[in-house]
Structures are given as C-alpha cells and as structure tokens.
Amino acid sequence: MSKKRTEATAEAFTLKAMAKNVVVVGPPKAGAFQEKAVKPTVFRGRCDSGDIPVALTHVTKGNSIRWKVDFEMLDYHFYLPLFFEGLTETTFPYDKFACEGIHAMLDHCGHKIIPVIPQLIPHIRNALNTRNDRVMCNTLQVLQHMVMSADRVGEALVPYFRQILRIFNLFRDKKE
C-alpha cells in the first residue's frame, strides 16, 4: 500500500516555505506585455457624427478613403491630432480612417507638421501604451512616415524621445 503525499504550497520567503514537502510558488506575472484596455476615443465619435472630412470608398482592390476637402484647406492643428488619437482604434472602419488619413495628410502637406508635434505626442504615447501589436506597428509606421515627410521633423521629435522611447525598451528583447 502506498501512501499519497500531499504537497502543500507556500509563497516564497515565508516560514511555511522552509517546511518539508512544500512547493514554493513563484511570483505572479507582472503583466508588462499584456494589452491594455482602450477607452472610447473622440475620433470614433467624430467619425460617427460625420465631422471628419473622409468617406469610405469601395473599389475592386479593397476599401480606401476619399477626402471631401482639399488638403491645403485642412486645419492641421485640429485634424492631425484627432487622426493620431484614432491610432488606438482596432475596429473597422475607424482604424482604416486613422491610418490612411494620417498617411495622406503627411504626404500632401508635410510642411504643416512641425508646429503640431507637441499636440501629437500624447496620442503617440497612448497608442504605444496599448501594447497591442497591430496598434504599435501602425504607430511605428506613422512615426517613420512623419520623419520622412518633411525636413526637421526628426529634430523636432528629439525633446519627446523620453516619452516615446520608454515603451520600446519593454519590447526591445521580446521574441514572439
């Protein structure tokens, strides 16, 4: 007849952990890579109410956006931060509007970006802090495009590196 041994569990660094036949349980996960919940954005509300001057067009190659106004007429101090806030969106069509809208604005009027950069930084930081892989990749692509769209944009981003690069240090060594 064999006796069943029941092993007790205990947290590390306690007196109970020193006893015989005790399995020490490791610490809980910190959750540094866990995706964060995203609050509803103003961008989604503006899209739903029709305040954003873009429309979804269906073409044979897929969906794209069509602008209702000329890029020179856009108020970049209002619309560019609004579209950057939409980077945190993961549902269709809001994610499409945000990404394609930002890329189109950067392509057509890159010289209007530099004065707006201080307004963009909180939205970039929020998008990176979601820890959602797709949102982070979209944000990185937007940052690359932003730096390449006009002269001196990279220099204008230097004072904000401490806020932007902090999240990249977490994911630098992640291999998944």
C-alpha atoms as a PDB file:
ATOM      1  CA  MET A   1       0.000   0.000   0.000  1.00  0.00           C
ATOM      2  CA  SER A   2       1.448   3.314  -0.983  1.00  0.00           C
ATOM      3  CA  LYS A   3       0.678   6.457   0.895  1.00  0.00           C
ATOM      4  CA  LYS A   4      -0.263   9.513  -1.085  1.00  0.00           C
ATOM      5  CA  ARG A   5       1.747  12.509  -0.159  1.00  0.00           C
ATOM      6  CA  THR A   6       0.023  15.789  -0.420  1.00  0.00           C
ATOM      7  CA  GLU A   7       2.319  18.637  -1.102  1.00  0.00           C
ATOM      8  CA  ALA A   8       1.460  21.970   0.330  1.00  0.00           C
ATOM      9  CA  THR A   9       2.212  25.194  -1.470  1.00  0.00           C
ATOM     10  CA  ALA A  10       3.591  28.365   0.012  1.00  0.00           C
ATOM     11  CA  GLU A  11       4.744  31.734  -1.142  1.00  0.00           C
ATOM     12  CA  ALA A  12       8.451  32.369  -1.317  1.00  0.00           C
ATOM     13  CA  PHE A  13      10.312  33.883   1.644  1.00  0.00           C
ATOM     14  CA  THR A  14       7.834  32.724   4.296  1.00  0.00           C
ATOM     15  CA  LEU A  15       8.324  30.361   7.225  1.00  0.00           C
ATOM     16  CA  LYS A  16       5.949  27.865   5.675  1.00  0.00           C
ATOM     17  CA  ALA A  17       8.231  27.662   2.609  1.00  0.00           C
ATOM     18  CA  MET A  18      11.023  26.252   4.813  1.00  0.00           C
ATOM     19  CA  ALA A  19       8.980  23.202   5.846  1.00  0.00           C
ATOM     20  CA  LYS A  20       9.377  19.771   4.274  1.00  0.00           C
ATOM     21  CA  ASN A  21       7.210  18.684   1.352  1.00  0.00           C
ATOM     22  CA  VAL A  22       6.275  22.227   0.489  1.00  0.00           C
ATOM     23  CA  VAL A  23       6.287  23.512  -3.077  1.00  0.00           C
ATOM     24  CA  VAL A  24       7.257  27.150  -3.319  1.00  0.00           C
ATOM     25  CA  VAL A  25       5.033  29.094  -5.690  1.00  0.00           C
ATOM     26  CA  GLY A  26       6.696  31.686  -7.879  1.00  0.00           C
ATOM     27  CA  PRO A  27       5.656  35.306  -8.018  1.00  0.00           C
ATOM     28  CA  PRO A  28       2.668  36.340 -10.113  1.00  0.00           C
ATOM     29  CA  LYS A  29       3.213  37.752 -13.585  1.00  0.00           C
ATOM     30  CA  ALA A  30       3.686  41.490 -13.694  1.00  0.00           C
ATOM     31  CA  GLY A  31       1.731  41.865 -16.929  1.00  0.00           C
ATOM     32  CA  ALA A  32       4.194  44.203 -18.649  1.00  0.00           C
ATOM     33  CA  PHE A  33       3.345  42.813 -22.096  1.00  0.00           C
ATOM     34  CA  GLN A  34      -0.378  42.439 -21.504  1.00  0.00           C
ATOM     35  CA  GLU A  35      -2.604  44.530 -23.759  1.00  0.00           C
ATOM     36  CA  LYS A  36      -4.292  47.457 -22.067  1.00  0.00           C
ATOM     37  CA  ALA A  37      -7.969  48.251 -22.498  1.00  0.00           C
ATOM     38  CA  VAL A  38      -8.602  51.226 -24.755  1.00  0.00           C
ATOM     39  CA  LYS A  39     -11.135  53.858 -23.811  1.00  0.00           C
ATOM     40  CA  PRO A  40     -13.533  55.137 -26.483  1.00  0.00           C
ATOM     41  CA  THR A  41     -11.885  57.937 -28.425  1.00  0.00           C
ATOM     42  CA  VAL A  42     -13.129  61.298 -29.600  1.00  0.00           C
ATOM     43  CA  PHE A  43     -12.056  60.215 -33.084  1.00  0.00           C
ATOM     44  CA  ARG A  44     -14.714  57.469 -33.112  1.00  0.00           C
ATOM     45  CA  GLY A  45     -17.395  59.922 -32.032  1.00  0.00           C
ATOM     46  CA  ARG A  46     -16.389  62.388 -34.723  1.00  0.00           C
ATOM     47  CA  CYS A  47     -16.448  59.628 -37.356  1.00  0.00           C
ATOM     48  CA  ASP A  48     -19.895  58.511 -36.275  1.00  0.00           C
ATOM     49  CA  SER A  49     -21.264  62.048 -36.342  1.00  0.00           C
ATOM     50  CA  GLY A  50     -19.736  62.770 -39.776  1.00  0.00           C
ATOM     51  CA  ASP A  51     -17.458  65.595 -38.632  1.00  0.00           C
ATOM     52  CA  ILE A  52     -14.372  64.098 -40.284  1.00  0.00           C
ATOM     53  CA  PRO A  53     -13.958  65.030 -43.963  1.00  0.00           C
ATOM     54  CA  VAL A  54     -13.314  61.488 -45.226  1.00  0.00           C
ATOM     55  CA  ALA A  55     -15.533  58.810 -46.693  1.00  0.00           C
ATOM     56  CA  LEU A  56     -15.029  55.111 -47.278  1.00  0.00           C
ATOM     57  CA  THR A  57     -14.982  54.120 -50.952  1.00  0.00           C
ATOM     58  CA  HIS A  58     -15.271  50.579 -52.162  1.00  0.00           C
ATOM     59  CA  VAL A  59     -13.026  49.721 -55.098  1.00  0.00           C
ATOM     60  CA  THR A  60     -12.105  46.409 -56.698  1.00  0.00           C
ATOM     61  CA  LYS A  61      -8.814  46.197 -54.789  1.00  0.00           C
ATOM     62  CA  GLY A  62     -10.469  46.760 -51.423  1.00  0.00           C
ATOM     63  CA  ASN A  63     -11.562  49.739 -49.380  1.00  0.00           C
ATOM     64  CA  SER A  64      -9.898  53.135 -49.412  1.00  0.00           C
ATOM     65  CA  ILE A  65     -10.746  56.580 -48.142  1.00  0.00           C
ATOM     66  CA  ARG A  66     -11.780  59.617 -50.148  1.00  0.00           C
ATOM     67  CA  TRP A  67     -11.237  63.134 -48.869  1.00  0.00           C
ATOM     68  CA  LYS A  68     -14.129  65.578 -49.073  1.00  0.00           C
ATOM     69  CA  VAL A  69     -11.898  68.689 -48.851  1.00  0.00           C
ATOM     70  CA  ASP A  70      -8.586  69.825 -50.265  1.00  0.00           C
ATOM     71  CA  PHE A  71      -5.521  69.216 -48.077  1.00  0.00           C
ATOM     72  CA  GLU A  72      -4.488  72.870 -48.204  1.00  0.00           C
ATOM     73  CA  MET A  73      -7.838  73.792 -46.646  1.00  0.00           C
ATOM     74  CA  LEU A  74      -7.483  71.393 -43.689  1.00  0.00           C
ATOM     75  CA  ASP A  75      -6.754  72.788 -40.245  1.00  0.00           C
ATOM     76  CA  TYR A  76      -3.811  70.596 -39.255  1.00  0.00           C
ATOM     77  CA  HIS A  77      -3.897  71.837 -35.647  1.00  0.00           C
ATOM     78  CA  PHE A  78      -7.350  70.274 -35.337  1.00  0.00           C
ATOM     79  CA  TYR A  79      -7.418  67.271 -37.665  1.00  0.00           C
ATOM     80  CA  LEU A  80      -3.905  65.805 -37.315  1.00  0.00           C
ATOM     81  CA  PRO A  81      -4.136  65.282 -33.503  1.00  0.00           C
ATOM     82  CA  LEU A  82      -7.639  63.927 -33.978  1.00  0.00           C
ATOM     83  CA  PHE A  83      -6.432  61.341 -36.505  1.00  0.00           C
ATOM     84  CA  PHE A  84      -3.455  60.470 -34.281  1.00  0.00           C
ATOM     85  CA  GLU A  85      -5.885  59.770 -31.456  1.00  0.00           C
ATOM     86  CA  GLY A  86      -7.548  57.286 -33.802  1.00  0.00           C
ATOM     87  CA  LEU A  87      -4.365  55.187 -33.920  1.00  0.00           C
ATOM     88  CA  THR A  88      -5.608  53.323 -30.829  1.00  0.00           C
ATOM     89  CA  GLU A  89      -8.704  52.111 -32.694  1.00  0.00           C
ATOM     90  CA  THR A  90      -8.729  48.454 -33.711  1.00  0.00           C
ATOM     91  CA  THR A  91     -12.168  48.147 -35.308  1.00  0.00           C
ATOM     92  CA  PHE A  92     -13.075  48.753 -38.924  1.00  0.00           C
ATOM     93  CA  PRO A  93     -13.538  51.440 -40.376  1.00  0.00           C
ATOM     94  CA  TYR A  94     -12.031  53.632 -37.643  1.00  0.00           C
ATOM     95  CA  ASP A  95      -8.561  52.079 -37.851  1.00  0.00           C
ATOM     96  CA  LYS A  96      -8.601  52.464 -41.646  1.00  0.00           C
ATOM     97  CA  PHE A  97      -9.693  56.100 -41.429  1.00  0.00           C
ATOM     98  CA  ALA A  98      -6.998  56.920 -38.884  1.00  0.00           C
ATOM     99  CA  CYS A  99      -4.037  55.238 -40.597  1.00  0.00           C
ATOM    100  CA  GLU A 100      -4.823  56.200 -44.171  1.00  0.00           C
ATOM    101  CA  GLY A 101      -5.880  59.688 -43.119  1.00  0.00           C
ATOM    102  CA  ILE A 102      -2.597  60.326 -41.327  1.00  0.00           C
ATOM    103  CA  HIS A 103      -0.526  58.993 -44.224  1.00  0.00           C
ATOM    104  CA  ALA A 104      -2.459  61.131 -46.722  1.00  0.00           C
ATOM    105  CA  MET A 105      -2.026  64.286 -44.630  1.00  0.00           C
ATOM    106  CA  LEU A 106       1.690  63.603 -44.212  1.00  0.00           C
ATOM    107  CA  ASP A 107       2.086  63.050 -47.959  1.00  0.00           C
ATOM    108  CA  HIS A 108       0.324  66.199 -49.072  1.00  0.00           C
ATOM    109  CA  CYS A 109       1.275  68.846 -46.501  1.00  0.00           C
ATOM    110  CA  GLY A 110       4.382  67.710 -44.658  1.00  0.00           C
ATOM    111  CA  HIS A 111       5.466  71.291 -44.006  1.00  0.00           C
ATOM    112  CA  LYS A 112       2.485  71.825 -41.656  1.00  0.00           C
ATOM    113  CA  ILE A 113       3.550  69.054 -39.250  1.00  0.00           C
ATOM    114  CA  ILE A 114       6.260  70.700 -37.141  1.00  0.00           C
ATOM    115  CA  PRO A 115       4.018  73.192 -35.277  1.00  0.00           C
ATOM    116  CA  VAL A 116       1.579  70.386 -34.412  1.00  0.00           C
ATOM    117  CA  ILE A 117       4.127  67.906 -32.969  1.00  0.00           C
ATOM    118  CA  PRO A 118       3.590  68.858 -29.286  1.00  0.00           C
ATOM    119  CA  GLN A 119      -0.115  68.029 -29.695  1.00  0.00           C
ATOM    120  CA  LEU A 120       0.685  64.645 -31.282  1.00  0.00           C
ATOM    121  CA  ILE A 121       2.972  63.289 -28.555  1.00  0.00           C
ATOM    122  CA  PRO A 122       0.250  62.321 -26.012  1.00  0.00           C
ATOM    123  CA  HIS A 123      -1.638  60.413 -28.711  1.00  0.00           C
ATOM    124  CA  ILE A 124       1.515  58.618 -29.874  1.00  0.00           C
ATOM    125  CA  ARG A 125       2.300  57.670 -26.286  1.00  0.00           C
ATOM    126  CA  ASN A 126      -1.250  56.395 -25.701  1.00  0.00           C
ATOM    127  CA  ALA A 127      -1.126  54.300 -28.873  1.00  0.00           C
ATOM    128  CA  LEU A 128       2.166  52.720 -27.849  1.00  0.00           C
ATOM    129  CA  ASN A 129       0.936  52.106 -24.295  1.00  0.00           C
ATOM    130  CA  THR A 130      -1.934  49.932 -25.544  1.00  0.00           C
ATOM    131  CA  ARG A 131       0.695  47.211 -26.072  1.00  0.00           C
ATOM    132  CA  ASN A 132      -1.419  45.898 -28.944  1.00  0.00           C
ATOM    133  CA  ASP A 133       0.918  44.581 -31.653  1.00  0.00           C
ATOM    134  CA  ARG A 134      -1.126  45.942 -34.561  1.00  0.00           C
ATOM    135  CA  VAL A 135      -1.549  49.376 -32.980  1.00  0.00           C
ATOM    136  CA  MET A 136       2.158  49.569 -32.148  1.00  0.00           C
ATOM    137  CA  CYS A 137       3.150  48.599 -35.708  1.00  0.00           C
ATOM    138  CA  ASN A 138       0.791  51.197 -37.184  1.00  0.00           C
ATOM    139  CA  THR A 139       2.203  53.829 -34.835  1.00  0.00           C
ATOM    140  CA  LEU A 140       5.777  52.955 -35.804  1.00  0.00           C
ATOM    141  CA  GLN A 141       4.910  53.212 -39.498  1.00  0.00           C
ATOM    142  CA  VAL A 142       3.289  56.586 -38.908  1.00  0.00           C
ATOM    143  CA  LEU A 143       6.358  57.813 -36.989  1.00  0.00           C
ATOM    144  CA  GLN A 144       8.649  56.700 -39.817  1.00  0.00           C
ATOM    145  CA  HIS A 145       6.474  58.389 -42.399  1.00  0.00           C
ATOM    146  CA  MET A 146       6.267  61.524 -40.283  1.00  0.00           C
ATOM    147  CA  VAL A 147      10.052  61.811 -40.049  1.00  0.00           C
ATOM    148  CA  MET A 148      10.442  61.301 -43.794  1.00  0.00           C
ATOM    149  CA  SER A 149       7.606  63.636 -44.820  1.00  0.00           C
ATOM    150  CA  ALA A 150       9.343  66.943 -44.120  1.00  0.00           C
ATOM    151  CA  ASP A 151      12.698  68.379 -43.167  1.00  0.00           C
ATOM    152  CA  ARG A 152      13.463  68.893 -39.475  1.00  0.00           C
ATOM    153  CA  VAL A 153      10.603  66.744 -38.178  1.00  0.00           C
ATOM    154  CA  GLY A 154      13.106  64.314 -36.665  1.00  0.00           C
ATOM    155  CA  GLU A 155      14.842  67.186 -34.902  1.00  0.00           C
ATOM    156  CA  ALA A 156      11.504  68.414 -33.587  1.00  0.00           C
ATOM    157  CA  LEU A 157      10.816  64.964 -32.094  1.00  0.00           C
ATOM    158  CA  VAL A 158      14.099  64.829 -30.123  1.00  0.00           C
ATOM    159  CA  PRO A 159      12.749  66.605 -26.982  1.00  0.00           C
ATOM    160  CA  TYR A 160       9.987  63.982 -26.771  1.00  0.00           C
ATOM    161  CA  PHE A 161      12.173  60.876 -27.074  1.00  0.00           C
ATOM    162  CA  ARG A 162      11.955  60.226 -23.340  1.00  0.00           C
ATOM    163  CA  GLN A 163       8.175  59.885 -23.622  1.00  0.00           C
ATOM    164  CA  ILE A 164       8.120  57.892 -26.857  1.00  0.00           C
ATOM    165  CA  LEU A 165      11.051  55.519 -26.412  1.00  0.00           C
ATOM    166  CA  ARG A 166      10.132  54.325 -22.915  1.00  0.00           C
ATOM    167  CA  ILE A 167       7.688  51.713 -24.201  1.00  0.00           C
ATOM    168  CA  PHE A 168      10.168  50.447 -26.806  1.00  0.00           C
ATOM    169  CA  ASN A 169      12.579  49.406 -24.057  1.00  0.00           C
ATOM    170  CA  LEU A 170       9.991  46.883 -22.846  1.00  0.00           C
ATOM    171  CA  PHE A 171       9.569  45.306 -26.254  1.00  0.00           C
ATOM    172  CA  ARG A 172      13.179  45.503 -27.400  1.00  0.00           C
ATOM    173  CA  ASP A 173      14.055  41.972 -26.259  1.00  0.00           C
ATOM    174  CA  LYS A 174      10.630  40.366 -26.770  1.00  0.00           C
ATOM    175  CA  LYS A 175      10.941  37.400 -29.121  1.00  0.00           C
ATOM    176  CA  GLU A 176       7.438  36.249 -30.046  1.00  0.00           C
END
